[in-house]
Protein backbone atom coordinates (compact mmCIF):
# COMPACT_ATOMS: atom_id res chain seq x y z
CA MET A 1 -0.81 -12.05 -22.31
CA ARG A 2 -0.09 -15.19 -21.65
CA ASN A 3 -2.99 -17.61 -19.95
CA ASN A 4 -2.05 -18.74 -16.20
CA LYS A 5 -3.57 -22.14 -15.31
CA PHE A 6 -4.96 -21.95 -11.91
CA GLU A 7 -5.93 -25.12 -9.68
CA THR A 8 -8.48 -25.54 -6.79
CA ASN A 9 -8.84 -28.49 -4.64
CA ASP A 10 -12.06 -30.11 -4.68
CA PHE A 11 -13.40 -31.93 -2.19
CA THR A 12 -15.88 -34.70 -2.96
CA HIS A 13 -18.30 -36.62 -0.99
CA THR A 14 -18.63 -40.33 -1.36
CA ASP A 15 -22.22 -41.46 -1.53
CA ILE A 16 -23.08 -44.39 0.88
CA GLU A 17 -25.96 -46.49 0.13
CA ASN A 18 -26.77 -48.31 3.39
CA SER A 19 -29.31 -46.57 5.61
CA GLU A 20 -27.19 -46.94 9.04
CA LEU A 21 -24.09 -45.43 7.57
CA SER A 22 -26.05 -42.72 5.74
CA SER A 23 -27.60 -41.79 9.24
CA GLU A 24 -24.67 -42.05 10.84
CA LEU A 25 -22.59 -39.38 8.37
CA SER A 26 -25.74 -37.38 8.06
CA THR A 27 -25.46 -36.68 11.96
CA LYS A 28 -20.71 -36.34 11.88
CA THR A 29 -21.74 -34.10 8.75
CA GLU A 30 -24.12 -32.00 10.90
CA ASN A 31 -21.40 -32.20 14.12
CA ARG A 32 -19.14 -30.69 11.79
CA ARG A 33 -21.68 -27.93 10.04
CA ASN A 34 -22.29 -26.78 13.66
CA ARG A 35 -18.76 -26.89 14.71
CA ARG A 36 -17.82 -25.07 11.54
CA ALA A 37 -20.00 -22.59 12.36
CA GLY A 38 -19.03 -21.89 15.84
CA ASN A 39 -15.99 -21.01 14.23
CA ARG A 40 -17.31 -18.17 12.04
CA ARG A 41 -18.87 -16.62 14.88
CA LYS A 42 -15.58 -16.53 16.49
CA VAL A 43 -14.42 -15.22 13.63
CA VAL A 44 -17.07 -12.61 13.31
CA LYS A 45 -16.19 -11.32 16.76
CA LYS A 46 -12.45 -10.87 16.08
CA VAL A 47 -12.38 -7.60 14.26
CA SER A 48 -10.10 -4.84 14.35
CA ALA A 49 -8.04 -3.03 11.97
CA LEU A 50 -5.98 -3.41 9.20
CA ALA A 51 -3.31 -5.11 5.79
CA LEU A 52 -1.16 -4.15 3.76
CA SER A 53 0.66 -3.50 0.78
CA ALA A 54 3.89 -3.87 -1.91
CA ILE A 55 7.17 -3.23 -3.68
CA LEU A 56 8.50 -2.76 -7.18
CA PHE A 57 11.55 -4.48 -7.72
CA GLY A 58 14.27 -5.04 -10.45
CA GLY A 59 16.05 -8.08 -11.51
CA LEU A 60 18.39 -10.26 -9.20
CA ALA A 61 20.64 -12.45 -11.03
CA ALA A 62 19.09 -15.18 -11.79
CA GLY A 63 15.79 -13.98 -11.34
CA THR A 64 13.62 -10.60 -11.36
CA PHE A 65 11.34 -9.15 -8.49
CA GLN A 66 7.97 -8.39 -9.81
CA GLY A 67 5.57 -5.67 -7.97
CA VAL A 68 2.06 -7.49 -7.64
CA ASN A 69 -0.16 -5.04 -8.63
CA THR A 70 -3.36 -6.03 -7.07
CA LEU A 71 -4.32 -8.24 -4.31
CA ILE A 72 -7.94 -8.83 -2.37
CA THR A 73 -7.79 -10.24 0.74
CA ASN A 74 -11.29 -10.56 3.29
CA ASN A 75 -12.27 -10.55 6.84
CA THR A 76 -14.55 -10.98 8.99
CA THR A 77 -17.96 -9.23 8.58
CA ALA A 78 -19.23 -7.13 11.35
CA SER A 79 -19.89 -3.18 11.96
CA ALA A 80 -20.37 -1.21 14.81
CA ALA A 81 -22.80 1.86 15.71
CA SER A 82 -21.44 5.22 15.71
CA ASP A 83 -22.04 7.58 18.05
CA SER A 84 -25.06 9.10 15.64
CA GLY A 85 -26.72 5.77 15.11
CA GLN A 86 -25.58 5.45 11.55
CA SER A 87 -24.27 1.77 10.68
CA SER A 88 -20.53 2.00 10.13
CA LEU A 89 -17.41 -0.12 10.78
CA LEU A 90 -15.01 0.41 13.84
CA LYS A 91 -14.69 3.61 14.75
CA THR A 92 -10.76 4.08 14.76
CA THR A 93 -7.44 5.17 14.13
CA GLN A 94 -5.01 3.34 15.63
CA VAL A 95 -4.26 -0.46 14.22
CA SER A 96 -5.64 -2.98 16.84
CA SER A 97 -3.87 -6.49 17.25
CA GLY A 98 -5.46 -9.78 17.20
CA SER A 99 -4.35 -12.68 19.94
CA GLY A 100 -1.07 -13.52 17.32
CA THR A 101 -1.68 -17.20 17.88
CA SER A 102 -1.25 -19.13 14.73
CA THR A 103 -2.30 -22.70 15.97
CA GLY A 104 -5.77 -21.82 14.21
CA SER A 105 -8.32 -24.46 13.64
CA LEU A 106 -9.91 -22.45 10.58
CA ASP A 107 -9.60 -24.57 7.31
CA VAL A 108 -9.26 -22.18 4.38
CA SER A 109 -12.96 -21.99 3.24
CA ASP A 110 -13.83 -20.53 6.57
CA ILE A 111 -10.83 -17.86 6.32
CA ALA A 112 -11.38 -17.17 2.76
CA GLU A 113 -15.16 -15.90 3.26
CA ALA A 114 -14.56 -14.34 7.07
CA ALA A 115 -11.68 -12.50 5.14
CA MET A 116 -13.19 -11.22 1.90
CA PRO A 117 -15.22 -8.28 3.13
CA SER A 118 -12.25 -6.19 4.16
CA ILE A 119 -10.18 -5.94 1.13
CA VAL A 120 -11.20 -3.81 -1.81
CA SER A 121 -10.09 -2.90 -5.36
CA ILE A 122 -8.21 -0.13 -6.84
CA THR A 123 -7.69 1.81 -9.30
CA ASN A 124 -5.05 4.04 -10.28
CA SER A 125 -5.86 6.30 -13.51
CA SER A 126 -3.01 8.69 -14.44
CA VAL A 127 -2.76 10.99 -17.44
CA GLN A 128 1.04 10.40 -19.02
CA GLU A 129 2.99 11.50 -22.20
CA VAL A 130 3.78 9.16 -24.59
CA GLN A 131 6.53 9.84 -27.72
CA ASN A 132 5.27 8.58 -31.07
CA TYR A 133 7.34 8.28 -33.69
CA PHE A 134 6.55 8.55 -37.36
CA SER A 135 8.01 9.01 -40.60
CA LEU A 136 7.30 11.41 -43.35
CA TYR A 137 9.06 11.86 -46.95
CA GLY A 138 11.64 9.48 -44.99
CA TYR A 139 12.31 12.36 -41.96
CA ASN A 140 11.57 10.89 -38.39
CA TYR A 141 9.62 13.24 -36.12
CA GLN A 142 8.92 12.79 -32.75
CA GLN A 143 5.25 12.68 -31.51
CA PRO A 144 4.47 14.10 -27.74
CA GLN A 145 0.82 12.68 -26.81
CA THR A 146 -0.35 12.11 -23.50
CA GLU A 147 -3.28 9.12 -22.85
CA GLU A 148 -4.60 7.40 -20.40
CA THR A 149 -3.01 4.28 -18.37
CA VAL A 150 -4.48 2.67 -15.80
CA SER A 151 -3.35 0.17 -13.31
CA CYS A 152 -4.97 -1.77 -10.56
CA GLY A 153 -4.02 -2.86 -7.00
CA SER A 154 -5.72 -3.73 -3.76
CA GLY A 155 -6.44 -2.59 -0.40
CA ILE A 156 -7.22 -3.68 2.89
CA ILE A 157 -9.68 -1.75 5.42
CA ILE A 158 -8.23 -0.88 8.44
CA GLY A 159 -10.61 1.74 10.04
CA GLN A 160 -12.49 4.91 9.93
CA ASN A 161 -12.86 8.37 11.46
CA ASP A 162 -15.74 10.27 12.03
CA SER A 163 -15.57 11.30 8.12
CA GLU A 164 -13.85 8.64 6.14
CA LEU A 165 -13.42 5.25 5.50
CA LEU A 166 -9.63 4.20 5.69
CA ILE A 167 -7.59 1.62 3.37
CA VAL A 168 -3.94 0.59 3.51
CA THR A 169 -2.30 -0.09 0.39
CA ASN A 170 1.10 -0.06 -1.45
CA TYR A 171 2.89 3.03 -2.74
CA HIS A 172 2.83 2.00 -6.22
CA VAL A 173 -0.28 1.30 -6.52
CA ILE A 174 -1.49 4.86 -6.03
CA GLU A 175 1.49 6.84 -7.27
CA ASP A 176 1.49 9.30 -9.60
CA ALA A 177 -2.58 8.81 -9.29
CA ASP A 178 -5.26 11.28 -11.06
CA THR A 179 -7.93 9.94 -9.94
CA LEU A 180 -8.13 6.83 -7.10
CA SER A 181 -11.42 4.31 -7.41
CA VAL A 182 -12.28 1.92 -4.86
CA SER A 183 -14.38 -1.32 -5.02
CA PHE A 184 -15.79 -2.86 -2.60
CA ILE A 185 -16.63 -6.81 -2.43
CA ASP A 186 -20.43 -6.02 -3.51
CA ASN A 187 -18.68 -4.07 -6.36
CA GLN A 188 -19.80 -0.57 -5.23
CA THR A 189 -17.20 1.90 -6.59
CA CYS A 190 -16.59 5.42 -5.06
CA GLU A 191 -13.37 7.63 -5.79
CA ALA A 192 -10.83 7.94 -3.26
CA ASN A 193 -8.51 10.05 -1.86
CA ILE A 194 -4.64 9.74 -0.67
CA LYS A 195 -4.59 10.41 3.20
CA GLY A 196 -0.90 9.45 3.93
CA THR A 197 2.18 7.87 1.92
CA ASP A 198 5.50 6.28 2.81
CA SER A 199 7.28 5.90 -0.12
CA ASP A 200 10.45 4.47 1.90
CA ASN A 201 8.55 1.29 2.84
CA ASP A 202 5.75 1.60 -0.45
CA LEU A 203 2.48 2.73 1.97
CA ALA A 204 -0.09 4.76 1.56
CA VAL A 205 -3.55 5.11 3.56
CA VAL A 206 -6.35 6.51 1.20
CA ALA A 207 -9.67 7.54 2.43
CA VAL A 208 -12.96 6.96 1.41
CA PRO A 209 -15.92 10.01 2.13
CA LEU A 210 -18.50 7.97 4.44
CA GLU A 211 -21.26 10.03 2.69
CA SER A 212 -20.46 8.52 -0.79
CA ILE A 213 -20.67 4.80 0.47
CA PRO A 214 -24.12 3.48 0.40
CA ASP A 215 -25.47 1.70 3.60
CA GLU A 216 -26.28 -1.67 2.25
CA THR A 217 -22.30 -1.40 1.46
CA LEU A 218 -21.36 -0.68 4.51
CA SER A 219 -23.04 -3.44 6.12
CA ASN A 220 -21.32 -5.80 3.93
CA ILE A 221 -17.78 -4.92 4.27
CA SER A 222 -15.27 -4.85 7.51
CA VAL A 223 -12.64 -4.25 9.51
CA ALA A 224 -9.78 -6.51 8.85
CA VAL A 225 -7.95 -8.60 12.08
CA ILE A 226 -4.43 -8.06 12.35
CA GLY A 227 -2.19 -11.13 13.94
CA ASP A 228 1.26 -11.03 15.31
CA SER A 229 3.83 -11.51 12.33
CA ASP A 230 6.59 -11.69 14.70
CA SER A 231 5.63 -15.40 16.44
CA LEU A 232 5.77 -16.84 12.78
CA LYS A 233 7.17 -20.13 12.73
CA VAL A 234 9.02 -21.34 9.48
CA GLY A 235 7.04 -24.12 7.95
CA GLU A 236 3.77 -22.58 9.37
CA GLN A 237 0.60 -22.89 6.96
CA VAL A 238 -0.81 -19.37 5.11
CA VAL A 239 -3.17 -18.25 3.07
CA ALA A 240 -2.95 -15.92 0.33
CA ILE A 241 -6.66 -13.88 -1.31
CA GLY A 242 -6.20 -11.35 -3.95
CA ASN A 243 -7.34 -10.04 -7.31
CA ALA A 244 -4.43 -12.30 -9.35
CA LEU A 245 -4.07 -10.56 -12.75
CA GLY A 246 -7.34 -8.83 -12.47
CA TYR A 247 -9.50 -12.09 -12.87
CA GLY A 248 -11.32 -11.98 -9.21
CA GLN A 249 -10.86 -12.66 -6.40
CA SER A 250 -8.83 -16.08 -5.76
CA VAL A 251 -7.39 -18.04 -2.99
CA THR A 252 -3.85 -19.91 -3.09
CA THR A 253 -2.16 -21.45 0.39
CA GLY A 254 1.40 -22.54 1.64
CA ILE A 255 3.82 -22.26 3.91
CA VAL A 256 6.32 -19.97 5.63
CA SER A 257 9.14 -20.53 3.69
CA ALA A 258 11.27 -18.09 5.35
CA THR A 259 10.80 -15.36 7.64
CA ASN A 260 13.18 -12.32 8.22
CA ARG A 261 14.66 -12.33 4.54
CA ALA A 262 16.18 -9.77 3.25
CA ILE A 263 16.11 -9.46 -0.64
CA SER A 264 17.28 -6.68 -2.89
CA SER A 265 17.08 -5.32 -6.14
CA SER A 266 19.21 -4.93 -8.87
CA ASP A 267 19.78 -1.28 -8.54
CA ASP A 268 21.47 -2.40 -5.25
CA SER A 269 24.94 -2.36 -4.74
CA ALA A 270 26.71 -5.02 -2.24
CA ASP A 271 27.16 -2.18 -0.12
CA ASN A 272 24.21 -1.16 -0.23
CA SER A 273 21.90 -3.64 0.23
CA SER A 274 18.37 -3.06 2.20
CA THR A 275 17.84 -3.75 5.72
CA ALA A 276 14.19 -4.12 5.40
CA THR A 277 12.99 -7.94 6.23
CA TYR A 278 10.21 -9.61 4.82
CA ILE A 279 8.11 -13.27 4.84
CA GLN A 280 8.86 -15.45 2.01
CA THR A 281 6.14 -17.92 1.23
CA ASP A 282 5.61 -20.67 -1.36
CA ALA A 283 1.92 -19.13 -1.34
CA ALA A 284 1.03 -18.21 -5.14
CA ILE A 285 1.68 -14.44 -5.07
CA ASN A 286 0.89 -13.50 -9.08
CA PRO A 287 0.82 -10.09 -10.57
CA GLY A 288 -2.65 -8.26 -9.35
CA ASN A 289 -1.57 -9.13 -5.49
CA SER A 290 -0.36 -5.57 -4.50
CA GLY A 291 -1.78 -4.47 -1.24
CA GLY A 292 -2.89 -8.30 -0.32
CA ALA A 293 -2.94 -9.70 2.93
CA LEU A 294 -1.14 -13.17 3.99
CA LEU A 295 -3.34 -15.00 6.86
CA ASN A 296 -2.50 -17.14 9.15
CA MET A 297 -4.71 -19.87 10.30
CA ASN A 298 -6.89 -17.59 12.54
CA GLY A 299 -8.18 -15.71 9.59
CA GLU A 300 -5.23 -12.67 11.11
CA VAL A 301 -3.33 -10.32 8.50
CA ILE A 302 0.03 -11.12 9.30
CA GLY A 303 1.48 -10.02 6.22
CA ILE A 304 1.53 -7.70 2.97
CA ASN A 305 1.70 -9.53 -0.13
CA THR A 306 4.25 -7.28 -1.86
CA ALA A 307 6.80 -9.37 -4.75
CA LYS A 308 8.05 -12.08 -6.69
CA LEU A 309 10.56 -13.82 -7.78
CA SER A 310 10.34 -14.50 -11.27
CA SER A 311 12.47 -16.53 -13.86
CA THR A 312 11.99 -19.93 -15.49
CA GLU A 313 14.23 -21.48 -12.91
CA ILE A 314 12.40 -20.46 -9.67
CA GLU A 315 9.08 -21.16 -8.55
CA GLY A 316 7.58 -20.74 -5.45
CA MET A 317 9.45 -17.19 -4.12
CA GLY A 318 7.05 -14.77 -2.60
CA TYR A 319 7.18 -11.52 -0.89
CA ALA A 320 5.29 -10.37 2.06
CA ILE A 321 6.05 -7.34 4.36
CA PRO A 322 5.66 -8.16 7.51
CA ILE A 323 2.92 -6.14 9.34
CA SER A 324 4.13 -6.07 12.60
CA ARG A 325 7.97 -4.32 11.64
CA VAL A 326 5.21 -1.59 9.41
CA GLN A 327 1.99 -1.19 12.15
CA ASP A 328 3.27 1.97 13.43
CA ILE A 329 4.17 3.80 10.33
CA ILE A 330 0.34 2.75 9.27
CA GLU A 331 -1.12 4.27 12.17
CA ASN A 332 1.33 7.60 11.22
CA LEU A 333 -0.30 7.52 7.94
CA MET A 334 -4.08 6.97 9.10
CA ASN A 335 -4.08 10.13 11.39
CA ALA A 336 -2.28 12.42 8.35
CA MET A 337 -4.58 14.58 6.93
CA THR A 338 -6.29 13.98 3.67
CA LYS A 339 -4.49 15.00 0.66
CA VAL A 340 -6.66 16.27 -2.53
CA LYS A 341 -4.91 17.55 -5.40
CA VAL A 342 -5.35 21.23 -6.20
CA ASP A 343 -5.73 23.08 -9.62
CA GLU A 344 -2.57 23.65 -11.15
CA SER A 345 -2.74 27.66 -10.87
CA ASP A 346 -3.48 27.56 -6.83
CA GLN A 347 -0.61 25.22 -6.74
CA GLY A 348 1.82 26.44 -3.73
CA THR A 349 5.12 26.57 -4.09
CA ILE A 350 8.20 26.82 -1.58
CA GLY A 351 10.67 28.72 -3.81
CA ILE A 352 13.72 26.62 -4.17
CA SER A 353 15.60 24.84 -6.62
CA GLY A 354 17.64 21.45 -5.91
CA GLN A 355 18.18 18.03 -7.38
CA ASP A 356 18.59 14.35 -5.41
CA VAL A 357 21.14 12.98 -2.85
CA SER A 358 20.81 9.78 -3.60
CA SER A 359 21.50 6.79 -0.96
CA GLU A 360 24.39 6.29 -2.90
CA VAL A 361 25.26 9.60 -2.42
CA SER A 362 24.35 9.68 0.97
CA GLU A 363 26.74 6.96 1.68
CA ALA A 364 29.63 8.00 -0.32
CA TYR A 365 29.73 11.59 1.00
CA GLN A 366 28.10 11.20 4.27
CA ILE A 367 25.66 13.97 4.13
CA PRO A 368 22.06 13.57 4.75
CA GLN A 369 19.59 11.58 2.04
CA GLY A 370 16.79 13.95 0.58
CA VAL A 371 16.57 16.79 -1.51
CA TYR A 372 19.86 19.20 -1.49
CA ILE A 373 18.77 22.79 -2.08
CA GLY A 374 20.82 24.09 -4.68
CA SER A 375 19.90 27.87 -4.49
CA VAL A 376 16.68 29.65 -2.27
CA SER A 377 14.83 31.91 -4.30
CA ASP A 378 15.02 35.82 -3.18
CA ASN A 379 12.11 36.96 -0.91
CA GLY A 380 10.25 33.56 -1.46
CA PRO A 381 8.81 31.13 1.13
CA ALA A 382 11.70 29.12 1.76
CA ALA A 383 14.08 32.01 2.44
CA ALA A 384 11.60 33.82 4.64
CA ALA A 385 11.29 30.58 6.63
CA GLY A 386 15.13 31.06 7.06
CA ILE A 387 16.17 27.94 4.74
CA THR A 388 19.21 28.69 2.94
CA ALA A 389 21.11 27.25 0.33
CA GLY A 390 23.63 24.34 0.74
CA SER A 391 20.72 22.40 3.24
CA ILE A 392 19.26 19.50 2.62
CA LEU A 393 15.43 19.11 2.70
CA THR A 394 14.34 15.31 4.17
CA LYS A 395 10.67 16.19 5.35
CA PHE A 396 7.75 17.46 4.14
CA ASP A 397 4.91 18.11 6.13
CA GLY A 398 5.87 15.52 8.14
CA THR A 399 6.48 12.90 5.11
CA SER A 400 10.16 11.70 4.46
CA VAL A 401 11.31 13.31 0.88
CA THR A 402 14.25 11.34 -0.84
CA SER A 403 13.97 13.43 -4.75
CA VAL A 404 12.88 16.27 -6.34
CA SER A 405 10.28 14.08 -7.83
CA GLU A 406 8.74 13.36 -4.53
CA LEU A 407 8.15 16.92 -3.75
CA ARG A 408 6.88 17.88 -6.59
CA ASP A 409 4.94 15.39 -6.15
CA LEU A 410 3.41 16.55 -2.73
CA LEU A 411 3.16 19.83 -3.98
CA GLN A 412 0.28 19.12 -5.98
CA TYR A 413 -1.87 18.50 -2.93
CA TYR A 414 -1.22 22.09 -1.07
CA ALA A 415 -2.57 25.43 -2.24
CA ALA A 416 -0.79 28.92 -2.60
CA GLY A 417 -1.08 30.14 1.38
CA THR A 418 -0.70 26.81 3.16
CA GLN A 419 1.30 26.59 6.03
CA VAL A 420 3.81 23.61 6.00
CA ASP A 421 6.26 22.00 8.30
CA VAL A 422 9.54 21.55 6.38
CA THR A 423 12.44 19.67 8.15
CA VAL A 424 16.34 20.21 6.49
CA MET A 425 19.47 19.06 7.90
CA VAL A 426 21.92 22.28 7.99
CA PRO A 427 25.78 22.16 7.50
CA ASP A 428 26.70 22.19 11.10
CA GLN A 429 30.61 22.47 11.46
CA GLY A 430 31.59 19.12 9.30
CA SER A 431 28.15 18.03 10.52
CA TYR A 432 24.80 18.18 10.27
CA SER A 433 22.16 19.73 12.31
CA GLU A 434 18.45 19.28 11.74
CA GLN A 435 15.82 22.27 12.10
CA THR A 436 11.86 22.03 11.28
CA VAL A 437 10.46 25.20 10.10
CA THR A 438 7.15 26.67 9.16
CA VAL A 439 6.80 27.25 5.60
CA THR A 440 4.10 29.24 4.29
CA LEU A 441 4.03 28.01 0.68
CA GLY A 442 3.75 30.76 -2.24
CA SER A 443 1.99 31.43 -5.96
CA ALA A 444 3.63 30.13 -8.79
CA ASN A 445 1.92 32.80 -10.48
CA THR A 446 4.35 35.33 -8.38
CA SER A 447 7.68 33.29 -7.19
CA SER A 448 10.63 34.41 -8.85
CA ALA A 449 11.95 33.69 -11.88
CA SER A 450 14.81 31.25 -10.44
CA ALA A 451 11.88 29.25 -8.54
CA ARG A 452 10.05 28.86 -11.58
CA THR A 453 12.91 27.54 -13.82
CA GLY A 454 14.98 25.60 -10.99
CA ALA A 455 14.50 21.97 -9.95
CA LEU A 456 11.21 22.62 -7.95
CA ALA A 457 8.39 24.34 -9.72
């Protein structure tokens, strides 16, 4: 791996021998410390909830969009006592907003010190099949093997309910995870579960059981303070904090280069570019920063560092998801039911086979994006719920579904016998009408052959 050189601003004090000047300097220094202490106390009182995530992009003309898979931010250390008297963080399942002002008087060191306790590191471990090729007596053979892959990202503490600490991150940080672990500012590591995901917006919320977090750790962590990204101005100073390249928490600063910036990847056609917009900044955002925060000079989270444009000809073009744009999405994910993978033998099936309806196909043929249902198993769960072939499945248990693989991933968290709301678009005289039905998932052991061998298990 190529070594990266980081630069920091060092502030030095000049010695003054004259006693009067020394006395005067001491008085000014003491006043300055008092003011900074007062500022810190103000920040400590502004505890709310939230922070965010990242997006993976392909190449783009002269450069390449790179997802940044780890970022550690921090926020004010403050905790509120729960009803039971246990030391805990803010008990909420809603995202709270800060003042939204952007002319704060804090310096970068104040912001870094206050924000650190609200950021966690997330480790994604998964077992994947790889193909190894070897030669024997002049013949080439392909030997499938499995190996464990580990990737890192970050998340931001956004609140808690009665039993869980809630953390927001990027969907691609937790995608395909077999196990997830969260490491807090004191290096305490706990296992986490997925609570809700939105792959379209590259967002996810994970939950850590409160009972698995030591009291000492709970007293050291805090909930992030959320600002108003809609009030950002071009040229405003911002701060990014993260675990760049996995070296540990580091701080970079820059300005808002642009707002409402639309970006697209090489996979996007000219007629099918994304309508999502981002904050562009020249603050250094490096691989390893996904899920981290972009903060204003009040120490409030106003963006989720998510991608950078990379090329030998490009410098200082990083992007963050505006916090105000995704606040409602995060609130919904916070209130979803926590997902825990079930054993493969116990996993439920829906009893359909189908294929992807991509955004390109959706636009070309004027049909909804989702999973086209090619066939429905006789007497299977989908058939019993009234789902018919030719319909397009768009949501599963409230989560948007845009591909067969996404639906398969979701089914890993549901056992046979679970009742799930499924939304389908049904052909209706040249158009489509939306229907939501309740499906009781079947067992893979009892599903018909068509369900087992189709595109969906």
